Amino acid sequence: MPKFHILDKVDRRLLNLLQKNNRTPTRTLAEKAHISQPTCLRRIRDMRAAGIISADVAMVDPFSLGYGMLAFLEVSLSNQADEHMQTFEARMAKEAEVMQCYFVSGDYDYFLVVHVIDMDAYYQFVRRAISGSGSVRHFQSRFPMKRAKFDTRIAFDEKAAEVQVRVGK
């Protein structure tokens, strides 16, 4: 059964600040949230323990590293039995090129976000991971021509008194 956690205005302010820059010193976070540094540390620790803050990572620009091709794949499996879906999901989790994998509603079973160096790398990925999997009935690729927006943050309303969030699974 899922558990719930109450995020007050201060928690949501801290989350908004951390999502902009998670290397902001605790002293600065505390000042901006109008709380003491020990209170700030405790709140952040509690949100990590609850799974609200799931990771502290460095965002790397793949394009600056030569990974110049992004592809969106819509994938239909030949068999939608749970065992086949779990096998496909486990396989995609192991593929370095797959940045995101979603089970979706509609005409396709899965939506993938794949980042590769170039078209040849994409071709090799498709042959190995998609066509070579034996479980894919059909797939369709889409290639974005321009990224109009990219953001990873969740914008928290800091004005509401409290927000109840579900934590855990």
N, C-alpha and C. Protein backbone atom coordinates (compact mmCIF):
# COMPACT_ATOMS: atom_id res chain seq x y z
N MET A 1 0.84 -1.18 0.00
CA MET A 1 0.00 0.00 0.00
C MET A 1 0.89 1.25 0.00
N PRO A 2 0.60 2.22 -0.87
CA PRO A 2 1.45 3.41 -0.94
C PRO A 2 1.34 4.25 0.31
N LYS A 3 2.43 4.93 0.61
CA LYS A 3 2.46 5.85 1.74
C LYS A 3 2.36 7.27 1.18
N PHE A 4 1.98 8.20 2.03
CA PHE A 4 1.85 9.58 1.60
C PHE A 4 2.76 10.45 2.45
N HIS A 5 3.20 11.53 1.84
CA HIS A 5 4.09 12.48 2.49
C HIS A 5 3.54 13.87 2.22
N ILE A 6 3.50 14.70 3.23
CA ILE A 6 3.01 16.07 3.07
C ILE A 6 4.19 16.98 2.77
N LEU A 7 4.09 17.72 1.66
CA LEU A 7 5.10 18.72 1.32
C LEU A 7 4.53 20.10 1.65
N ASP A 8 5.14 20.78 2.60
CA ASP A 8 4.68 22.13 2.90
C ASP A 8 5.38 23.12 1.97
N LYS A 9 5.13 24.41 2.18
CA LYS A 9 5.69 25.43 1.31
C LYS A 9 7.22 25.40 1.31
N VAL A 10 7.80 25.15 2.45
CA VAL A 10 9.27 25.13 2.57
C VAL A 10 9.84 23.95 1.79
N ASP A 11 9.24 22.78 1.94
CA ASP A 11 9.71 21.60 1.19
C ASP A 11 9.65 21.87 -0.32
N ARG A 12 8.54 22.45 -0.77
CA ARG A 12 8.39 22.71 -2.21
C ARG A 12 9.37 23.77 -2.68
N ARG A 13 9.67 24.75 -1.85
CA ARG A 13 10.67 25.77 -2.19
C ARG A 13 12.04 25.09 -2.33
N LEU A 14 12.38 24.23 -1.38
CA LEU A 14 13.66 23.52 -1.44
C LEU A 14 13.75 22.65 -2.70
N LEU A 15 12.67 21.96 -3.03
CA LEU A 15 12.67 21.12 -4.24
C LEU A 15 12.86 21.96 -5.50
N ASN A 16 12.19 23.11 -5.57
CA ASN A 16 12.36 23.98 -6.73
C ASN A 16 13.80 24.47 -6.84
N LEU A 17 14.40 24.85 -5.71
CA LEU A 17 15.79 25.32 -5.71
C LEU A 17 16.76 24.20 -6.08
N LEU A 18 16.57 23.02 -5.52
CA LEU A 18 17.46 21.90 -5.81
C LEU A 18 17.38 21.45 -7.26
N GLN A 19 16.21 21.56 -7.85
CA GLN A 19 16.06 21.15 -9.25
C GLN A 19 16.76 22.12 -10.20
N LYS A 20 16.94 23.36 -9.76
CA LYS A 20 17.70 24.32 -10.58
C LYS A 20 19.20 24.05 -10.46
N ASN A 21 19.64 23.73 -9.24
CA ASN A 21 21.06 23.46 -9.01
C ASN A 21 21.20 22.68 -7.71
N ASN A 22 21.45 21.38 -7.82
CA ASN A 22 21.52 20.56 -6.60
C ASN A 22 22.87 20.69 -5.90
N ARG A 23 23.74 21.53 -6.40
CA ARG A 23 25.02 21.78 -5.74
C ARG A 23 25.00 23.09 -4.95
N THR A 24 23.84 23.70 -4.84
CA THR A 24 23.71 24.91 -4.04
C THR A 24 24.03 24.58 -2.58
N PRO A 25 24.92 25.35 -1.97
CA PRO A 25 25.26 25.07 -0.56
C PRO A 25 24.02 25.11 0.34
N THR A 26 24.01 24.25 1.32
CA THR A 26 22.88 24.16 2.24
C THR A 26 22.62 25.51 2.91
N ARG A 27 23.68 26.23 3.23
CA ARG A 27 23.54 27.55 3.84
C ARG A 27 22.70 28.47 2.95
N THR A 28 22.97 28.45 1.65
CA THR A 28 22.24 29.28 0.70
C THR A 28 20.79 28.81 0.57
N LEU A 29 20.60 27.49 0.49
CA LEU A 29 19.24 26.95 0.43
C LEU A 29 18.43 27.37 1.65
N ALA A 30 19.04 27.25 2.82
CA ALA A 30 18.37 27.61 4.07
C ALA A 30 17.97 29.09 4.07
N GLU A 31 18.88 29.94 3.61
CA GLU A 31 18.58 31.38 3.55
C GLU A 31 17.40 31.65 2.62
N LYS A 32 17.42 31.04 1.44
CA LYS A 32 16.36 31.27 0.46
C LYS A 32 15.02 30.69 0.90
N ALA A 33 15.06 29.66 1.74
CA ALA A 33 13.82 29.04 2.24
C ALA A 33 13.41 29.63 3.59
N HIS A 34 14.23 30.53 4.12
CA HIS A 34 13.96 31.19 5.40
C HIS A 34 13.86 30.20 6.56
N ILE A 35 14.83 29.26 6.59
CA ILE A 35 14.91 28.28 7.67
C ILE A 35 16.37 28.16 8.11
N SER A 36 16.60 27.47 9.22
CA SER A 36 17.97 27.26 9.68
C SER A 36 18.64 26.18 8.82
N GLN A 37 19.96 26.18 8.84
CA GLN A 37 20.70 25.18 8.07
C GLN A 37 20.43 23.76 8.56
N PRO A 38 20.41 23.50 9.89
CA PRO A 38 20.09 22.13 10.34
C PRO A 38 18.68 21.68 9.90
N THR A 39 17.72 22.59 9.94
CA THR A 39 16.37 22.27 9.49
C THR A 39 16.37 21.95 8.00
N CYS A 40 17.12 22.71 7.25
CA CYS A 40 17.24 22.49 5.81
C CYS A 40 17.83 21.10 5.54
N LEU A 41 18.90 20.77 6.20
CA LEU A 41 19.53 19.45 6.04
C LEU A 41 18.56 18.32 6.39
N ARG A 42 17.82 18.48 7.49
CA ARG A 42 16.87 17.46 7.91
C ARG A 42 15.77 17.28 6.89
N ARG A 43 15.23 18.37 6.38
CA ARG A 43 14.15 18.28 5.39
C ARG A 43 14.62 17.59 4.11
N ILE A 44 15.81 17.93 3.65
CA ILE A 44 16.35 17.30 2.43
C ILE A 44 16.60 15.82 2.69
N ARG A 45 17.18 15.50 3.84
CA ARG A 45 17.42 14.09 4.19
C ARG A 45 16.11 13.32 4.24
N ASP A 46 15.07 13.90 4.83
CA ASP A 46 13.77 13.24 4.92
C ASP A 46 13.15 13.02 3.55
N MET A 47 13.29 13.99 2.65
CA MET A 47 12.74 13.83 1.30
C MET A 47 13.52 12.78 0.51
N ARG A 48 14.81 12.66 0.77
CA ARG A 48 15.58 11.58 0.13
C ARG A 48 15.13 10.22 0.67
N ALA A 49 14.96 10.13 1.97
CA ALA A 49 14.55 8.87 2.59
C ALA A 49 13.16 8.45 2.11
N ALA A 50 12.29 9.41 1.86
CA ALA A 50 10.93 9.10 1.39
C ALA A 50 10.90 8.77 -0.10
N GLY A 51 12.00 9.02 -0.81
CA GLY A 51 12.04 8.75 -2.24
C GLY A 51 11.53 9.90 -3.09
N ILE A 52 11.23 11.02 -2.46
CA ILE A 52 10.79 12.21 -3.21
C ILE A 52 11.97 12.75 -4.02
N ILE A 53 13.13 12.82 -3.40
CA ILE A 53 14.37 13.10 -4.12
C ILE A 53 14.98 11.73 -4.41
N SER A 54 14.95 11.35 -5.67
CA SER A 54 15.36 9.98 -6.02
C SER A 54 16.82 9.87 -6.42
N ALA A 55 17.45 10.98 -6.83
CA ALA A 55 18.84 10.91 -7.26
C ALA A 55 19.43 12.32 -7.33
N ASP A 56 20.71 12.40 -7.19
CA ASP A 56 21.46 13.63 -7.42
C ASP A 56 22.40 13.34 -8.57
N VAL A 57 22.14 13.97 -9.72
CA VAL A 57 22.90 13.64 -10.92
C VAL A 57 23.42 14.90 -11.60
N ALA A 58 24.41 14.71 -12.47
CA ALA A 58 24.89 15.78 -13.33
C ALA A 58 24.20 15.63 -14.68
N MET A 59 23.63 16.70 -15.18
CA MET A 59 22.99 16.68 -16.49
C MET A 59 24.09 16.92 -17.53
N VAL A 60 24.24 15.96 -18.43
CA VAL A 60 25.26 16.03 -19.47
C VAL A 60 24.56 16.32 -20.80
N ASP A 61 25.09 17.25 -21.57
CA ASP A 61 24.51 17.57 -22.87
C ASP A 61 25.04 16.58 -23.89
N PRO A 62 24.21 15.61 -24.33
CA PRO A 62 24.69 14.59 -25.26
C PRO A 62 25.12 15.17 -26.61
N PHE A 63 24.51 16.25 -27.04
CA PHE A 63 24.86 16.85 -28.32
C PHE A 63 26.28 17.41 -28.29
N SER A 64 26.69 17.98 -27.16
CA SER A 64 28.05 18.53 -27.07
C SER A 64 29.10 17.42 -27.06
N LEU A 65 28.68 16.20 -26.76
CA LEU A 65 29.61 15.06 -26.74
C LEU A 65 29.58 14.27 -28.04
N GLY A 66 28.85 14.77 -29.02
CA GLY A 66 28.81 14.11 -30.31
C GLY A 66 27.66 13.15 -30.49
N TYR A 67 26.81 13.02 -29.49
CA TYR A 67 25.61 12.17 -29.63
C TYR A 67 24.53 13.04 -30.28
N GLY A 68 24.65 13.18 -31.61
CA GLY A 68 23.85 14.14 -32.33
C GLY A 68 22.53 13.66 -32.85
N MET A 69 22.14 12.45 -32.52
CA MET A 69 20.90 11.94 -33.09
C MET A 69 19.98 11.40 -32.00
N LEU A 70 18.79 11.93 -32.00
CA LEU A 70 17.75 11.51 -31.08
C LEU A 70 16.65 10.85 -31.91
N ALA A 71 16.12 9.75 -31.42
CA ALA A 71 15.05 9.05 -32.12
C ALA A 71 13.95 8.68 -31.14
N PHE A 72 12.73 8.78 -31.61
CA PHE A 72 11.58 8.33 -30.85
C PHE A 72 11.05 7.09 -31.56
N LEU A 73 10.91 6.00 -30.83
CA LEU A 73 10.42 4.76 -31.43
C LEU A 73 9.09 4.37 -30.81
N GLU A 74 8.16 4.02 -31.66
CA GLU A 74 6.90 3.43 -31.24
C GLU A 74 7.02 1.95 -31.57
N VAL A 75 6.84 1.11 -30.56
CA VAL A 75 7.11 -0.32 -30.72
C VAL A 75 5.86 -1.13 -30.38
N SER A 76 5.52 -2.08 -31.26
CA SER A 76 4.45 -3.04 -30.99
C SER A 76 5.08 -4.41 -30.83
N LEU A 77 4.71 -5.10 -29.77
CA LEU A 77 5.19 -6.45 -29.56
C LEU A 77 4.30 -7.45 -30.28
N SER A 78 4.87 -8.58 -30.64
CA SER A 78 4.08 -9.62 -31.31
C SER A 78 3.18 -10.34 -30.32
N ASN A 79 3.52 -10.28 -29.04
CA ASN A 79 2.72 -10.93 -28.01
C ASN A 79 2.71 -10.02 -26.78
N GLN A 80 1.52 -9.65 -26.32
CA GLN A 80 1.41 -8.73 -25.19
C GLN A 80 1.23 -9.44 -23.85
N ALA A 81 1.55 -10.72 -23.79
CA ALA A 81 1.49 -11.43 -22.50
C ALA A 81 2.49 -10.78 -21.55
N ASP A 82 2.16 -10.77 -20.28
CA ASP A 82 2.97 -10.11 -19.27
C ASP A 82 4.44 -10.55 -19.32
N GLU A 83 4.66 -11.82 -19.51
CA GLU A 83 6.03 -12.35 -19.56
C GLU A 83 6.82 -11.72 -20.71
N HIS A 84 6.20 -11.55 -21.87
CA HIS A 84 6.87 -10.96 -23.02
C HIS A 84 7.15 -9.47 -22.79
N MET A 85 6.20 -8.80 -22.15
CA MET A 85 6.38 -7.38 -21.85
C MET A 85 7.51 -7.18 -20.84
N GLN A 86 7.54 -8.00 -19.81
CA GLN A 86 8.62 -7.90 -18.82
C GLN A 86 9.98 -8.16 -19.45
N THR A 87 10.05 -9.13 -20.35
CA THR A 87 11.30 -9.44 -21.04
C THR A 87 11.74 -8.25 -21.89
N PHE A 88 10.81 -7.65 -22.62
CA PHE A 88 11.14 -6.49 -23.44
C PHE A 88 11.62 -5.33 -22.57
N GLU A 89 10.92 -5.05 -21.48
CA GLU A 89 11.30 -3.95 -20.59
C GLU A 89 12.69 -4.19 -19.99
N ALA A 90 12.98 -5.42 -19.59
CA ALA A 90 14.30 -5.74 -19.03
C ALA A 90 15.38 -5.55 -20.08
N ARG A 91 15.08 -5.95 -21.30
CA ARG A 91 16.06 -5.78 -22.39
C ARG A 91 16.33 -4.30 -22.65
N MET A 92 15.28 -3.49 -22.70
CA MET A 92 15.46 -2.05 -22.95
C MET A 92 16.20 -1.38 -21.80
N ALA A 93 15.99 -1.86 -20.59
CA ALA A 93 16.69 -1.29 -19.43
C ALA A 93 18.20 -1.49 -19.54
N LYS A 94 18.61 -2.53 -20.23
CA LYS A 94 20.04 -2.82 -20.39
C LYS A 94 20.68 -2.11 -21.58
N GLU A 95 19.88 -1.57 -22.47
CA GLU A 95 20.40 -0.91 -23.67
C GLU A 95 20.83 0.51 -23.35
N ALA A 96 22.11 0.80 -23.50
CA ALA A 96 22.66 2.11 -23.16
C ALA A 96 22.04 3.24 -23.99
N GLU A 97 21.66 2.95 -25.22
CA GLU A 97 21.11 3.98 -26.09
C GLU A 97 19.69 4.40 -25.69
N VAL A 98 19.00 3.53 -24.97
CA VAL A 98 17.62 3.83 -24.56
C VAL A 98 17.65 4.71 -23.33
N MET A 99 17.23 5.95 -23.52
CA MET A 99 17.21 6.91 -22.42
C MET A 99 15.92 6.79 -21.61
N GLN A 100 14.82 6.47 -22.29
CA GLN A 100 13.53 6.33 -21.64
C GLN A 100 12.73 5.26 -22.36
N CYS A 101 11.92 4.52 -21.59
CA CYS A 101 11.06 3.49 -22.15
C CYS A 101 9.74 3.54 -21.40
N TYR A 102 8.66 3.72 -22.15
CA TYR A 102 7.32 3.84 -21.56
C TYR A 102 6.38 2.79 -22.15
N PHE A 103 5.62 2.13 -21.32
CA PHE A 103 4.49 1.31 -21.76
C PHE A 103 3.35 2.31 -21.97
N VAL A 104 2.74 2.32 -23.14
CA VAL A 104 1.77 3.36 -23.47
C VAL A 104 0.45 2.77 -23.95
N SER A 105 -0.57 3.59 -23.92
CA SER A 105 -1.85 3.21 -24.49
C SER A 105 -1.86 3.62 -25.97
N GLY A 106 -2.78 3.05 -26.72
CA GLY A 106 -2.91 3.43 -28.12
C GLY A 106 -2.50 2.31 -29.06
N ASP A 107 -2.07 2.69 -30.25
CA ASP A 107 -1.76 1.73 -31.31
C ASP A 107 -0.47 0.95 -31.06
N TYR A 108 0.42 1.50 -30.27
CA TYR A 108 1.70 0.85 -29.98
C TYR A 108 1.76 0.45 -28.51
N ASP A 109 2.67 -0.45 -28.21
CA ASP A 109 2.82 -0.91 -26.83
C ASP A 109 3.82 -0.07 -26.04
N TYR A 110 4.90 0.35 -26.71
CA TYR A 110 5.98 1.08 -26.03
C TYR A 110 6.40 2.30 -26.81
N PHE A 111 6.86 3.28 -26.09
CA PHE A 111 7.45 4.49 -26.66
C PHE A 111 8.85 4.60 -26.08
N LEU A 112 9.85 4.68 -26.96
CA LEU A 112 11.24 4.75 -26.53
C LEU A 112 11.86 6.07 -26.96
N VAL A 113 12.74 6.59 -26.12
CA VAL A 113 13.58 7.73 -26.47
C VAL A 113 14.99 7.18 -26.54
N VAL A 114 15.60 7.30 -27.72
CA VAL A 114 16.91 6.70 -27.98
C VAL A 114 17.87 7.80 -28.42
N HIS A 115 19.06 7.82 -27.83
CA HIS A 115 20.08 8.80 -28.21
C HIS A 115 21.31 8.06 -28.71
N VAL A 116 21.75 8.39 -29.92
CA VAL A 116 22.91 7.75 -30.54
C VAL A 116 23.80 8.80 -31.20
N ILE A 117 24.96 8.37 -31.64
CA ILE A 117 25.91 9.28 -32.28
C ILE A 117 25.42 9.70 -33.66
N ASP A 118 25.00 8.73 -34.48
CA ASP A 118 24.62 9.05 -35.86
C ASP A 118 23.69 7.96 -36.40
N MET A 119 23.34 8.07 -37.67
CA MET A 119 22.40 7.13 -38.28
C MET A 119 22.95 5.71 -38.29
N ASP A 120 24.25 5.54 -38.51
CA ASP A 120 24.81 4.20 -38.50
C ASP A 120 24.67 3.56 -37.12
N ALA A 121 24.91 4.34 -36.06
CA ALA A 121 24.74 3.82 -34.70
C ALA A 121 23.28 3.47 -34.45
N TYR A 122 22.36 4.27 -34.99
CA TYR A 122 20.94 3.98 -34.84
C TYR A 122 20.58 2.68 -35.56
N TYR A 123 21.09 2.52 -36.76
CA TYR A 123 20.86 1.30 -37.53
C TYR A 123 21.36 0.08 -36.76
N GLN A 124 22.56 0.17 -36.20
CA GLN A 124 23.11 -0.95 -35.43
C GLN A 124 22.24 -1.24 -34.20
N PHE A 125 21.78 -0.19 -33.53
CA PHE A 125 20.90 -0.36 -32.37
C PHE A 125 19.61 -1.08 -32.78
N VAL A 126 18.98 -0.61 -33.84
CA VAL A 126 17.71 -1.21 -34.29
C VAL A 126 17.91 -2.68 -34.65
N ARG A 127 18.96 -2.98 -35.37
CA ARG A 127 19.22 -4.38 -35.76
C ARG A 127 19.44 -5.27 -34.54
N ARG A 128 20.18 -4.77 -33.57
CA ARG A 128 20.51 -5.56 -32.39
C ARG A 128 19.34 -5.64 -31.40
N ALA A 129 18.80 -4.50 -31.04
CA ALA A 129 17.87 -4.44 -29.91
C ALA A 129 16.39 -4.53 -30.29
N ILE A 130 16.05 -4.07 -31.47
CA ILE A 130 14.64 -4.05 -31.86
C ILE A 130 14.32 -5.20 -32.82
N SER A 131 14.90 -5.18 -33.99
CA SER A 131 14.63 -6.24 -34.97
C SER A 131 15.16 -7.58 -34.49
N GLY A 132 16.30 -7.56 -33.81
CA GLY A 132 16.92 -8.80 -33.35
C GLY A 132 16.33 -9.38 -32.09
N SER A 133 15.36 -8.70 -31.49
CA SER A 133 14.82 -9.18 -30.22
C SER A 133 13.89 -10.37 -30.39
N GLY A 134 13.27 -10.48 -31.56
CA GLY A 134 12.35 -11.59 -31.79
C GLY A 134 10.96 -11.36 -31.23
N SER A 135 10.77 -10.32 -30.44
CA SER A 135 9.46 -10.09 -29.84
C SER A 135 8.75 -8.87 -30.42
N VAL A 136 9.43 -8.11 -31.29
CA VAL A 136 8.85 -6.90 -31.86
C VAL A 136 8.13 -7.23 -33.16
N ARG A 137 6.84 -6.90 -33.21
CA ARG A 137 6.04 -7.12 -34.41
C ARG A 137 6.24 -5.98 -35.39
N HIS A 138 6.26 -4.75 -34.86
CA HIS A 138 6.35 -3.56 -35.71
C HIS A 138 6.93 -2.42 -34.89
N PHE A 139 7.69 -1.56 -35.56
CA PHE A 139 8.14 -0.33 -34.91
C PHE A 139 8.17 0.79 -35.92
N GLN A 140 8.07 1.99 -35.41
CA GLN A 140 8.14 3.17 -36.25
C GLN A 140 9.06 4.17 -35.59
N SER A 141 9.93 4.77 -36.37
CA SER A 141 10.88 5.75 -35.85
C SER A 141 10.46 7.16 -36.24
N ARG A 142 10.72 8.06 -35.34
CA ARG A 142 10.51 9.49 -35.62
C ARG A 142 11.79 10.20 -35.16
N PHE A 143 12.22 11.16 -35.97
CA PHE A 143 13.45 11.88 -35.68
C PHE A 143 13.14 13.36 -35.51
N PRO A 144 13.35 13.90 -34.34
CA PRO A 144 13.07 15.32 -34.13
C PRO A 144 14.05 16.18 -34.92
N MET A 145 13.54 17.26 -35.50
CA MET A 145 14.37 18.16 -36.27
C MET A 145 14.88 19.31 -35.42
N LYS A 146 14.17 19.61 -34.34
CA LYS A 146 14.55 20.71 -33.46
C LYS A 146 13.98 20.44 -32.08
N ARG A 147 14.79 20.71 -31.07
CA ARG A 147 14.30 20.59 -29.71
C ARG A 147 13.82 21.97 -29.27
N ALA A 148 12.51 22.12 -29.14
CA ALA A 148 11.92 23.40 -28.77
C ALA A 148 11.94 23.62 -27.27
N LYS A 149 11.94 22.53 -26.49
CA LYS A 149 11.99 22.65 -25.03
C LYS A 149 12.51 21.35 -24.46
N PHE A 150 13.31 21.46 -23.42
CA PHE A 150 13.76 20.29 -22.67
C PHE A 150 13.91 20.72 -21.22
N ASP A 151 13.26 20.02 -20.36
CA ASP A 151 13.35 20.33 -18.93
C ASP A 151 13.16 19.03 -18.16
N THR A 152 13.80 18.93 -17.02
CA THR A 152 13.66 17.73 -16.21
C THR A 152 12.98 18.02 -14.88
N ARG A 153 12.68 19.25 -14.61
CA ARG A 153 12.15 19.60 -13.30
C ARG A 153 10.64 19.49 -13.22
N ILE A 154 10.16 19.28 -12.03
CA ILE A 154 8.74 19.34 -11.70
C ILE A 154 8.54 20.68 -11.00
N ALA A 155 7.67 21.52 -11.53
CA ALA A 155 7.44 22.84 -10.95
C ALA A 155 6.44 22.71 -9.80
N PHE A 156 6.90 23.02 -8.60
CA PHE A 156 6.05 22.95 -7.42
C PHE A 156 5.47 24.31 -7.10
N ASP A 157 4.17 24.35 -6.86
CA ASP A 157 3.51 25.58 -6.44
C ASP A 157 3.91 25.84 -5.00
N GLU A 158 4.55 26.95 -4.76
CA GLU A 158 5.01 27.27 -3.41
C GLU A 158 3.98 28.04 -2.60
N LYS A 159 2.82 28.33 -3.17
CA LYS A 159 1.82 29.13 -2.47
C LYS A 159 0.82 28.29 -1.69
N ALA A 160 0.51 27.10 -2.15
CA ALA A 160 -0.45 26.24 -1.45
C ALA A 160 0.10 25.89 -0.07
N ALA A 161 -0.78 25.74 0.89
CA ALA A 161 -0.34 25.44 2.26
C ALA A 161 0.37 24.09 2.33
N GLU A 162 -0.24 23.07 1.77
CA GLU A 162 0.33 21.71 1.78
C GLU A 162 -0.03 21.00 0.49
N VAL A 163 0.82 20.07 0.12
CA VAL A 163 0.55 19.19 -1.01
C VAL A 163 0.86 17.78 -0.54
N GLN A 164 -0.08 16.87 -0.71
CA GLN A 164 0.13 15.47 -0.34
C GLN A 164 0.65 14.73 -1.55
N VAL A 165 1.78 14.04 -1.39
CA VAL A 165 2.36 13.26 -2.48
C VAL A 165 2.49 11.81 -2.06
N ARG A 166 2.36 10.92 -3.04
CA ARG A 166 2.51 9.50 -2.77
C ARG A 166 3.98 9.15 -2.89
N VAL A 167 4.49 8.40 -1.92
CA VAL A 167 5.88 7.96 -1.94
C VAL A 167 5.90 6.44 -1.90
N GLY A 168 6.97 5.87 -2.41
CA GLY A 168 7.07 4.43 -2.46
C GLY A 168 6.19 3.86 -3.55
N LYS A 169 6.19 2.54 -3.64
CA LYS A 169 5.39 1.90 -4.70
C LYS A 169 4.31 1.05 -4.12
